C-alpha atoms as a PDB file:
ATOM      1  CA  MET A   1       0.049   0.049   0.044  1.00  0.00           C
ATOM      2  CA  ALA A   2       1.384   3.387  -1.004  1.00  0.00           C
ATOM      3  CA  ALA A   3       1.883   6.034   1.478  1.00  0.00           C
ATOM      4  CA  MET A   4      -0.717   8.634   1.645  1.00  0.00           C
ATOM      5  CA  LEU A   5       0.731  12.415   0.839  1.00  0.00           C
ATOM      6  CA  PRO A   6      -0.741  15.152   3.088  1.00  0.00           C
ATOM      7  CA  ALA A   7      -3.870  16.911   1.467  1.00  0.00           C
ATOM      8  CA  TRP A   8      -1.941  20.294   1.580  1.00  0.00           C
ATOM      9  CA  THR A   9       1.237  19.077  -0.662  1.00  0.00           C
ATOM     10  CA  ALA A  10      -1.800  18.643  -3.558  1.00  0.00           C
ATOM     11  CA  THR A  11      -0.938  22.209  -5.146  1.00  0.00           C
ATOM     12  CA  LEU A  12       0.924  25.193  -4.562  1.00  0.00           C
ATOM     13  CA  ASP A  13      -2.249  27.021  -3.602  1.00  0.00           C
ATOM     14  CA  THR A  14      -2.907  24.564  -0.558  1.00  0.00           C
ATOM     15  CA  ALA A  15       0.658  24.294   0.544  1.00  0.00           C
ATOM     16  CA  ILE A  16       0.968  28.191   0.574  1.00  0.00           C
ATOM     17  CA  GLN A  17      -2.586  28.382   2.565  1.00  0.00           C
ATOM     18  CA  ALA A  18      -1.304  25.656   4.918  1.00  0.00           C
ATOM     19  CA  GLY A  19       2.192  27.116   5.608  1.00  0.00           C
ATOM     20  CA  GLY A  20       3.789  23.962   4.468  1.00  0.00           C
ATOM     21  CA  GLN A  21       7.320  23.724   3.670  1.00  0.00           C
ATOM     22  CA  ILE A  22       9.155  22.104   0.514  1.00  0.00           C
ATOM     23  CA  ARG A  23      12.311  21.336   0.197  1.00  0.00           C
ATOM     24  CA  VAL A  24      14.235  20.579  -3.258  1.00  0.00           C
ATOM     25  CA  TRP A  25      17.548  18.449  -3.197  1.00  0.00           C
ATOM     26  CA  CYS A  26      19.723  16.890  -5.959  1.00  0.00           C
ATOM     27  CA  SER A  27      20.611  13.091  -6.019  1.00  0.00           C
ATOM     28  CA  THR A  28      24.091  13.870  -7.202  1.00  0.00           C
ATOM     29  CA  CYS A  29      25.365  16.935  -5.859  1.00  0.00           C
ATOM     30  CA  ARG A  30      23.411  16.455  -2.681  1.00  0.00           C
ATOM     31  CA  GLN A  31      22.667  20.343  -2.350  1.00  0.00           C
ATOM     32  CA  ASN A  32      19.373  21.251  -1.092  1.00  0.00           C
ATOM     33  CA  ARG A  33      17.099  24.430  -0.452  1.00  0.00           C
ATOM     34  CA  ASP A  34      13.886  25.493   0.474  1.00  0.00           C
ATOM     35  CA  VAL A  35      11.625  26.191  -2.379  1.00  0.00           C
ATOM     36  CA  ASP A  36      10.111  29.899  -2.191  1.00  0.00           C
ATOM     37  CA  LEU A  37       6.533  28.554  -3.058  1.00  0.00           C
ATOM     38  CA  PHE A  38       5.295  32.216  -3.684  1.00  0.00           C
ATOM     39  CA  ALA A  39       8.091  32.740  -6.270  1.00  0.00           C
ATOM     40  CA  LEU A  40       7.266  29.367  -7.961  1.00  0.00           C
ATOM     41  CA  ARG A  41       3.325  30.274  -7.775  1.00  0.00           C
ATOM     42  CA  ALA A  42       3.984  33.445  -9.874  1.00  0.00           C
ATOM     43  CA  ARG A  43       5.796  31.633 -12.440  1.00  0.00           C
ATOM     44  CA  VAL A  44       3.592  28.194 -12.940  1.00  0.00           C
ATOM     45  CA  GLY A  45       0.264  29.283 -11.251  1.00  0.00           C
ATOM     46  CA  GLY A  46      -1.470  27.818  -8.009  1.00  0.00           C
ATOM     47  CA  SER A  47      -2.686  24.713  -9.403  1.00  0.00           C
ATOM     48  CA  PHE A  48       0.819  23.302 -10.207  1.00  0.00           C
ATOM     49  CA  SER A  49       1.569  20.307  -8.270  1.00  0.00           C
ATOM     50  CA  LEU A  50       5.217  18.997  -7.093  1.00  0.00           C
ATOM     51  CA  ARG A  51       3.978  15.736  -6.174  1.00  0.00           C
ATOM     52  CA  ASN A  52       5.815  13.107  -8.243  1.00  0.00           C
ATOM     53  CA  ARG A  53       7.905  15.776  -9.829  1.00  0.00           C
ATOM     54  CA  ARG A  54      11.639  15.912 -10.568  1.00  0.00           C
ATOM     55  CA  CYS A  55      13.803  17.752 -13.122  1.00  0.00           C
ATOM     56  CA  ARG A  56      17.554  18.280 -13.670  1.00  0.00           C
ATOM     57  CA  CYS A  57      19.576  19.774 -11.381  1.00  0.00           C
ATOM     58  CA  ARG A  58      19.431  23.461 -11.213  1.00  0.00           C
ATOM     59  CA  LEU A  59      21.160  23.859  -7.727  1.00  0.00           C
ATOM     60  CA  THR A  60      24.801  23.275  -9.091  1.00  0.00           C
ATOM     61  CA  PRO A  61      25.622  24.523 -12.264  1.00  0.00           C
ATOM     62  CA  GLY A  62      26.842  21.662 -14.493  1.00  0.00           C
ATOM     63  CA  CYS A  63      25.425  18.904 -12.258  1.00  0.00           C
ATOM     64  CA  PRO A  64      24.043  16.267 -14.328  1.00  0.00           C
ATOM     65  CA  GLY A  65      21.721  15.015 -11.210  1.00  0.00           C
ATOM     66  CA  TRP A  66      17.958  14.957 -10.672  1.00  0.00           C
ATOM     67  CA  ASN A  67      16.332  17.461  -8.296  1.00  0.00           C
ATOM     68  CA  GLU A  68      13.200  15.901  -6.270  1.00  0.00           C
ATOM     69  CA  PHE A  69      10.981  17.330  -3.687  1.00  0.00           C
ATOM     70  CA  ASP A  70      10.341  16.616  -0.004  1.00  0.00           C
ATOM     71  CA  TYR A  71       7.727  18.092   2.412  1.00  0.00           C
ATOM     72  CA  LEU A  72       8.174  18.834   5.758  1.00  0.00           C
ATOM     73  CA  ASN A  73       5.909  16.566   8.446  1.00  0.00           C
ATOM     74  CA  GLY A  74       8.312  16.676  11.503  1.00  0.00           C
ATOM     75  CA  VAL A  75      10.929  15.703   9.272  1.00  0.00           C
ATOM     76  CA  PHE A  76      11.471  15.900   5.398  1.00  0.00           C
ATOM     77  CA  ARG A  77       9.730  13.252   3.494  1.00  0.00           C
ATOM     78  CA  PRO A  78       9.569  12.408  -0.115  1.00  0.00           C
ATOM     79  CA  LEU A  79       6.826  14.221  -2.045  1.00  0.00           C
ATOM     80  CA  ARG A  80       6.254  11.209  -4.228  1.00  0.00           C
ATOM     81  CA  GLU A  81       3.965   8.467  -4.166  1.00  0.00           C
ATOM     82  CA  LEU A  82       5.403   4.741  -3.992  1.00  0.00           C
ATOM     83  CA  GLN A  83       3.769   3.474  -7.245  1.00  0.00           C
ATOM     84  CA  VAL A  84       5.568   6.355  -9.210  1.00  0.00           C
ATOM     85  CA  VAL A  85       8.924   5.290  -7.764  1.00  0.00           C
ATOM     86  CA  GLU A  86       8.429   1.441  -8.656  1.00  0.00           C
ATOM     87  CA  TRP A  87       7.088   2.480 -12.207  1.00  0.00           C
ATOM     88  CA  ARG A  88      10.047   4.760 -12.795  1.00  0.00           C
ATOM     89  CA  LEU A  89      12.380   1.948 -11.753  1.00  0.00           C
ATOM     90  CA  TRP A  90      10.717  -0.702 -13.974  1.00  0.00           C
ATOM     91  CA  ARG A  91      10.664   1.719 -17.008  1.00  0.00           C
ATOM     92  CA  SER A  92      14.681   2.452 -16.256  1.00  0.00           C
ATOM     93  CA  ARG A  93      15.216  -1.295 -15.908  1.00  0.00           C
ATOM     94  CA  SER A  94      13.195  -2.183 -19.382  1.00  0.00           C
ATOM     95  CA  ALA A  95      15.336   0.526 -21.132  1.00  0.00           C
ATOM     96  CA  MET A  96      18.454  -1.417 -20.170  1.00  0.00           C
ATOM     97  CA  GLY A  97      17.082  -4.779 -20.974  1.00  0.00           C
ATOM     98  CA  VAL A  98      17.215  -6.130 -17.447  1.00  0.00           C
END
């Protein structure tokens, strides 16, 4: 059974309204920083969701890693659902012929 994400993590608007904290981190350079939810909302809109998202590293110039997002719930926890992680793993193994 997949872990349930808090309702406030659904969109930028709900995260801002709840006073939630989201952090971005890199799988390669291991840098991290808090996400400015207001600035991001101004760029992409309040209905945008960071759930199950990742992008190429923007924390360290030239880093080939992936940025992923965590939400604060006592400690920082992954802002992704287990079935998405399993699908990405299956897809990458399929591409390698494993």
